[in-house]
N, C-alpha and C. Protein backbone atom coordinates (compact mmCIF):
# COMPACT_ATOMS: atom_id res chain seq x y z
N MET A 1 -37.50 7.86 -35.53
CA MET A 1 -37.92 6.52 -35.21
C MET A 1 -37.12 5.98 -34.02
N ARG A 2 -35.88 6.37 -33.95
CA ARG A 2 -35.01 5.86 -32.89
C ARG A 2 -35.48 6.33 -31.51
N ASP A 3 -36.01 7.55 -31.44
CA ASP A 3 -36.39 8.12 -30.15
C ASP A 3 -37.80 7.77 -29.71
N ASP A 4 -38.61 7.20 -30.58
CA ASP A 4 -40.00 6.87 -30.25
C ASP A 4 -40.24 5.40 -30.56
N SER A 5 -40.35 4.57 -29.53
CA SER A 5 -40.50 3.13 -29.73
C SER A 5 -41.80 2.75 -30.42
N ALA A 6 -42.78 3.66 -30.46
CA ALA A 6 -44.05 3.37 -31.13
C ALA A 6 -44.07 3.86 -32.57
N ALA A 7 -43.00 4.48 -33.02
CA ALA A 7 -42.96 5.05 -34.38
C ALA A 7 -42.78 3.96 -35.43
N ILE A 8 -43.38 4.21 -36.58
CA ILE A 8 -43.20 3.34 -37.75
C ILE A 8 -42.73 4.24 -38.88
N GLY A 9 -41.71 3.81 -39.58
CA GLY A 9 -41.18 4.61 -40.68
C GLY A 9 -40.72 3.73 -41.82
N PHE A 10 -40.36 4.35 -42.91
CA PHE A 10 -39.88 3.64 -44.09
C PHE A 10 -38.50 4.16 -44.45
N LEU A 11 -37.61 3.24 -44.74
CA LEU A 11 -36.27 3.58 -45.21
C LEU A 11 -36.01 2.81 -46.49
N GLY A 12 -35.22 3.38 -47.36
CA GLY A 12 -34.82 2.65 -48.55
C GLY A 12 -33.85 1.54 -48.18
N PHE A 13 -33.96 0.40 -48.83
CA PHE A 13 -33.12 -0.76 -48.51
C PHE A 13 -31.64 -0.44 -48.70
N GLY A 14 -31.31 0.43 -49.62
CA GLY A 14 -29.91 0.80 -49.84
C GLY A 14 -29.26 1.39 -48.59
N LEU A 15 -30.04 2.02 -47.71
CA LEU A 15 -29.50 2.58 -46.47
C LEU A 15 -29.15 1.50 -45.46
N LEU A 16 -29.72 0.31 -45.62
CA LEU A 16 -29.55 -0.75 -44.63
C LEU A 16 -28.66 -1.89 -45.09
N SER A 17 -28.24 -1.87 -46.33
CA SER A 17 -27.63 -3.07 -46.91
C SER A 17 -26.11 -3.15 -46.81
N ASP A 18 -25.42 -2.06 -46.54
CA ASP A 18 -23.95 -2.09 -46.51
C ASP A 18 -23.46 -2.26 -45.08
N LEU A 19 -23.35 -3.50 -44.64
CA LEU A 19 -22.97 -3.77 -43.26
C LEU A 19 -21.51 -3.44 -42.96
N ASP A 20 -20.72 -3.13 -43.99
CA ASP A 20 -19.34 -2.69 -43.78
C ASP A 20 -19.28 -1.20 -43.41
N ASP A 21 -20.36 -0.49 -43.63
CA ASP A 21 -20.42 0.95 -43.38
C ASP A 21 -20.82 1.20 -41.92
N PRO A 22 -19.97 1.89 -41.14
CA PRO A 22 -20.31 2.16 -39.73
C PRO A 22 -21.64 2.92 -39.57
N ALA A 23 -21.95 3.82 -40.50
CA ALA A 23 -23.22 4.57 -40.42
C ALA A 23 -24.40 3.62 -40.58
N CYS A 24 -24.28 2.65 -41.46
CA CYS A 24 -25.34 1.66 -41.66
C CYS A 24 -25.52 0.81 -40.40
N ARG A 25 -24.41 0.36 -39.84
CA ARG A 25 -24.49 -0.45 -38.61
C ARG A 25 -25.11 0.35 -37.47
N ALA A 26 -24.77 1.63 -37.37
CA ALA A 26 -25.35 2.48 -36.32
C ALA A 26 -26.85 2.65 -36.54
N LEU A 27 -27.26 2.83 -37.78
CA LEU A 27 -28.68 2.96 -38.09
C LEU A 27 -29.42 1.68 -37.73
N LEU A 28 -28.87 0.53 -38.10
CA LEU A 28 -29.53 -0.75 -37.80
C LEU A 28 -29.60 -1.02 -36.30
N ALA A 29 -28.64 -0.50 -35.54
CA ALA A 29 -28.66 -0.70 -34.10
C ALA A 29 -29.81 0.06 -33.44
N GLY A 30 -30.29 1.10 -34.11
CA GLY A 30 -31.33 1.93 -33.51
C GLY A 30 -32.73 1.69 -34.04
N VAL A 31 -32.89 0.82 -35.01
CA VAL A 31 -34.22 0.57 -35.57
C VAL A 31 -34.44 -0.94 -35.69
N LYS A 32 -35.69 -1.32 -35.81
CA LYS A 32 -36.05 -2.72 -36.00
C LYS A 32 -36.63 -2.86 -37.40
N VAL A 33 -36.08 -3.77 -38.18
CA VAL A 33 -36.60 -4.03 -39.53
C VAL A 33 -37.69 -5.08 -39.41
N CYS A 34 -38.87 -4.76 -39.92
CA CYS A 34 -40.03 -5.66 -39.79
C CYS A 34 -40.22 -6.50 -41.05
N ARG A 35 -40.68 -7.70 -40.85
CA ARG A 35 -41.10 -8.55 -41.96
C ARG A 35 -42.50 -8.10 -42.37
N ILE A 36 -42.77 -8.12 -43.67
CA ILE A 36 -44.11 -7.80 -44.14
C ILE A 36 -44.54 -8.85 -45.15
N SER A 37 -45.85 -8.94 -45.34
CA SER A 37 -46.37 -9.93 -46.29
C SER A 37 -47.36 -9.27 -47.23
N ARG A 38 -47.57 -9.92 -48.32
CA ARG A 38 -48.59 -9.51 -49.27
C ARG A 38 -49.81 -10.38 -48.95
N GLY A 39 -50.82 -9.80 -48.35
CA GLY A 39 -51.99 -10.58 -47.96
C GLY A 39 -51.65 -11.58 -46.87
N ALA A 40 -52.13 -12.81 -47.03
CA ALA A 40 -51.91 -13.85 -46.03
C ALA A 40 -50.64 -14.64 -46.28
N GLY A 41 -49.79 -14.17 -47.18
CA GLY A 41 -48.55 -14.88 -47.53
C GLY A 41 -47.52 -14.81 -46.42
N THR A 42 -46.39 -15.42 -46.67
CA THR A 42 -45.28 -15.44 -45.73
C THR A 42 -44.69 -14.03 -45.58
N ALA A 43 -44.47 -13.63 -44.34
CA ALA A 43 -43.87 -12.32 -44.08
C ALA A 43 -42.38 -12.39 -44.37
N LEU A 44 -41.86 -11.42 -45.12
CA LEU A 44 -40.48 -11.43 -45.57
C LEU A 44 -39.74 -10.17 -45.16
N LEU A 45 -38.44 -10.31 -44.94
CA LEU A 45 -37.56 -9.16 -44.76
C LEU A 45 -37.10 -8.70 -46.14
N PRO A 46 -36.75 -7.43 -46.28
CA PRO A 46 -36.20 -6.99 -47.56
C PRO A 46 -34.77 -7.51 -47.71
N THR A 47 -34.49 -8.17 -48.82
CA THR A 47 -33.14 -8.63 -49.17
C THR A 47 -32.97 -8.41 -50.66
N GLN A 48 -31.74 -8.53 -51.15
CA GLN A 48 -31.55 -8.43 -52.60
C GLN A 48 -32.39 -9.48 -53.30
N GLY A 49 -32.44 -10.67 -52.75
CA GLY A 49 -33.19 -11.76 -53.38
C GLY A 49 -34.68 -11.51 -53.43
N THR A 50 -35.28 -11.05 -52.31
CA THR A 50 -36.73 -10.81 -52.31
C THR A 50 -37.10 -9.56 -53.12
N LEU A 51 -36.16 -8.63 -53.26
CA LEU A 51 -36.40 -7.49 -54.15
C LEU A 51 -36.34 -7.93 -55.61
N LYS A 52 -35.32 -8.73 -55.93
CA LYS A 52 -35.10 -9.16 -57.32
C LYS A 52 -36.25 -10.02 -57.83
N ASP A 53 -36.70 -10.98 -57.01
CA ASP A 53 -37.75 -11.89 -57.48
C ASP A 53 -39.16 -11.37 -57.21
N THR A 54 -39.27 -10.14 -56.76
CA THR A 54 -40.52 -9.40 -56.54
C THR A 54 -41.40 -9.98 -55.43
N ARG A 55 -40.86 -10.84 -54.57
CA ARG A 55 -41.68 -11.36 -53.46
C ARG A 55 -41.88 -10.31 -52.38
N TYR A 56 -40.92 -9.40 -52.20
CA TYR A 56 -41.06 -8.37 -51.17
C TYR A 56 -42.07 -7.33 -51.66
N PRO A 57 -43.15 -7.11 -50.90
CA PRO A 57 -44.25 -6.28 -51.41
C PRO A 57 -43.98 -4.78 -51.53
N LEU A 58 -43.05 -4.23 -50.76
CA LEU A 58 -42.82 -2.78 -50.81
C LEU A 58 -41.59 -2.46 -51.64
N ARG A 59 -41.57 -2.93 -52.85
CA ARG A 59 -40.45 -2.62 -53.74
C ARG A 59 -40.96 -1.68 -54.81
N ARG A 60 -40.05 -0.93 -55.36
CA ARG A 60 -40.44 -0.03 -56.44
C ARG A 60 -39.34 -0.04 -57.49
N PRO A 61 -39.72 -0.01 -58.73
CA PRO A 61 -38.70 0.01 -59.79
C PRO A 61 -38.12 1.42 -59.97
N VAL A 62 -36.94 1.47 -60.50
CA VAL A 62 -36.35 2.75 -60.89
C VAL A 62 -36.52 2.84 -62.40
N ILE A 63 -37.20 3.88 -62.84
CA ILE A 63 -37.47 4.06 -64.26
C ILE A 63 -36.73 5.30 -64.73
N MET A 64 -35.97 5.16 -65.78
CA MET A 64 -35.26 6.31 -66.34
C MET A 64 -35.94 6.69 -67.65
N LEU A 65 -36.43 7.89 -67.71
CA LEU A 65 -37.10 8.40 -68.90
C LEU A 65 -36.23 9.51 -69.48
N VAL A 66 -35.72 9.29 -70.67
CA VAL A 66 -34.86 10.27 -71.33
C VAL A 66 -35.66 10.90 -72.46
N THR A 67 -35.81 12.22 -72.42
CA THR A 67 -36.61 12.91 -73.43
C THR A 67 -35.78 13.84 -74.30
N GLU A 68 -34.49 13.59 -74.34
CA GLU A 68 -33.62 14.42 -75.19
C GLU A 68 -33.97 14.18 -76.65
N GLY A 69 -33.90 15.21 -77.43
CA GLY A 69 -34.15 15.07 -78.86
C GLY A 69 -32.98 14.45 -79.60
N LYS A 70 -31.84 14.43 -78.94
CA LYS A 70 -30.64 13.84 -79.54
C LYS A 70 -29.87 13.12 -78.44
N SER A 71 -28.86 12.40 -78.83
CA SER A 71 -28.04 11.69 -77.86
C SER A 71 -27.22 12.71 -77.08
N GLY A 72 -27.40 12.76 -75.76
CA GLY A 72 -26.70 13.74 -74.95
C GLY A 72 -26.33 13.17 -73.60
N LEU A 73 -26.17 14.04 -72.62
CA LEU A 73 -25.74 13.64 -71.29
C LEU A 73 -26.73 12.67 -70.64
N GLY A 74 -28.01 12.95 -70.74
CA GLY A 74 -29.03 12.07 -70.14
C GLY A 74 -29.02 10.69 -70.76
N THR A 75 -28.91 10.63 -72.08
CA THR A 75 -28.85 9.35 -72.78
C THR A 75 -27.60 8.58 -72.38
N GLY A 76 -26.47 9.29 -72.28
CA GLY A 76 -25.23 8.65 -71.86
C GLY A 76 -25.32 8.09 -70.45
N PHE A 77 -25.93 8.86 -69.55
CA PHE A 77 -26.08 8.39 -68.17
C PHE A 77 -26.98 7.16 -68.11
N ALA A 78 -28.11 7.21 -68.82
CA ALA A 78 -29.01 6.05 -68.84
C ALA A 78 -28.31 4.82 -69.41
N SER A 79 -27.51 5.01 -70.44
CA SER A 79 -26.76 3.89 -71.02
C SER A 79 -25.75 3.33 -70.02
N PHE A 80 -25.08 4.22 -69.29
CA PHE A 80 -24.12 3.77 -68.28
C PHE A 80 -24.82 2.95 -67.19
N VAL A 81 -25.93 3.47 -66.66
CA VAL A 81 -26.65 2.77 -65.59
C VAL A 81 -27.14 1.41 -66.07
N ALA A 82 -27.60 1.32 -67.30
CA ALA A 82 -28.12 0.06 -67.84
C ALA A 82 -27.00 -0.91 -68.21
N GLY A 83 -25.78 -0.42 -68.35
CA GLY A 83 -24.66 -1.26 -68.74
C GLY A 83 -24.07 -2.05 -67.58
N HIS A 84 -23.04 -2.82 -67.90
CA HIS A 84 -22.41 -3.71 -66.92
C HIS A 84 -21.91 -2.96 -65.68
N LYS A 85 -21.16 -1.88 -65.86
CA LYS A 85 -20.61 -1.15 -64.71
C LYS A 85 -21.72 -0.54 -63.85
N GLY A 86 -22.72 0.05 -64.49
CA GLY A 86 -23.82 0.64 -63.74
C GLY A 86 -24.60 -0.39 -62.94
N GLN A 87 -24.84 -1.55 -63.54
CA GLN A 87 -25.57 -2.61 -62.84
C GLN A 87 -24.74 -3.18 -61.69
N ARG A 88 -23.42 -3.21 -61.85
CA ARG A 88 -22.55 -3.67 -60.74
C ARG A 88 -22.61 -2.68 -59.57
N ILE A 89 -22.67 -1.39 -59.88
CA ILE A 89 -22.79 -0.39 -58.82
C ILE A 89 -24.10 -0.58 -58.06
N ILE A 90 -25.18 -0.79 -58.79
CA ILE A 90 -26.48 -1.03 -58.16
C ILE A 90 -26.42 -2.27 -57.28
N LEU A 91 -25.83 -3.35 -57.78
CA LEU A 91 -25.68 -4.59 -57.01
C LEU A 91 -24.85 -4.35 -55.75
N LYS A 92 -23.75 -3.62 -55.88
CA LYS A 92 -22.87 -3.35 -54.74
C LYS A 92 -23.58 -2.51 -53.68
N GLN A 93 -24.52 -1.68 -54.08
CA GLN A 93 -25.27 -0.85 -53.14
C GLN A 93 -26.35 -1.64 -52.42
N GLY A 94 -26.46 -2.93 -52.70
CA GLY A 94 -27.43 -3.77 -52.01
C GLY A 94 -28.79 -3.81 -52.67
N LEU A 95 -28.92 -3.19 -53.81
CA LEU A 95 -30.20 -3.18 -54.50
C LEU A 95 -30.24 -4.30 -55.53
N ALA A 96 -31.33 -4.44 -56.23
CA ALA A 96 -31.49 -5.52 -57.19
C ALA A 96 -31.39 -4.95 -58.60
N PRO A 97 -30.28 -5.19 -59.29
CA PRO A 97 -30.14 -4.67 -60.64
C PRO A 97 -31.11 -5.33 -61.61
N ALA A 98 -31.43 -4.63 -62.68
CA ALA A 98 -32.33 -5.19 -63.70
C ALA A 98 -31.70 -6.41 -64.35
N HIS A 99 -30.40 -6.35 -64.56
CA HIS A 99 -29.65 -7.46 -65.15
C HIS A 99 -28.51 -7.77 -64.21
N THR A 100 -28.44 -8.99 -63.72
CA THR A 100 -27.39 -9.35 -62.78
C THR A 100 -26.05 -9.41 -63.49
N PRO A 101 -25.11 -8.54 -63.12
CA PRO A 101 -23.80 -8.55 -63.77
C PRO A 101 -23.00 -9.78 -63.35
N ARG A 102 -22.25 -10.31 -64.27
CA ARG A 102 -21.41 -11.48 -64.01
C ARG A 102 -19.95 -11.06 -63.96
N THR A 103 -19.18 -11.83 -63.22
CA THR A 103 -17.74 -11.62 -63.23
C THR A 103 -17.11 -12.72 -64.07
N ARG A 104 -15.93 -12.49 -64.55
CA ARG A 104 -15.26 -13.48 -65.39
C ARG A 104 -15.10 -14.79 -64.65
N GLY A 105 -15.45 -15.89 -65.32
CA GLY A 105 -15.27 -17.22 -64.74
C GLY A 105 -16.29 -17.57 -63.68
N ASP A 106 -17.32 -16.77 -63.53
CA ASP A 106 -18.32 -17.04 -62.50
C ASP A 106 -19.68 -17.19 -63.16
N ASP A 107 -20.23 -18.38 -63.12
CA ASP A 107 -21.53 -18.63 -63.73
C ASP A 107 -22.68 -18.55 -62.73
N ARG A 108 -22.37 -18.30 -61.46
CA ARG A 108 -23.42 -18.24 -60.46
C ARG A 108 -24.00 -16.84 -60.35
N ASP A 109 -25.26 -16.76 -60.03
CA ASP A 109 -25.91 -15.48 -59.79
C ASP A 109 -25.44 -14.96 -58.43
N PRO A 110 -24.90 -13.73 -58.35
CA PRO A 110 -24.43 -13.20 -57.06
C PRO A 110 -25.52 -13.17 -56.00
N LEU A 111 -26.78 -13.09 -56.40
CA LEU A 111 -27.87 -13.05 -55.42
C LEU A 111 -28.13 -14.43 -54.82
N ASP A 112 -27.61 -15.49 -55.44
CA ASP A 112 -27.83 -16.85 -54.94
C ASP A 112 -26.69 -17.35 -54.07
N ARG A 113 -25.68 -16.56 -53.85
CA ARG A 113 -24.52 -17.01 -53.06
C ARG A 113 -24.80 -16.94 -51.59
């Protein structure tokens, strides 16, 4: 995409969200992020907020399907991801966790700051 100004491509939002990462900043310097809309609605950029509230049209959920007959590694991993620490990792990666993790003494939603 960087070498062809007429190219259109798709990147996962997680690749663009960590502005502290030099690789992310380099990637953003070489591409243009476009606003998109659902029908005639307002065109939006992808953000944690527009992903979380489902306004951004090109979002996809992450679904974990565990088919173990007993509690094992897959079940443990799914439990970790769904738990507080796993959801904080997802939030830190710039994505929209299923459940917004809270920090002690903080009643505000991190996506609203």
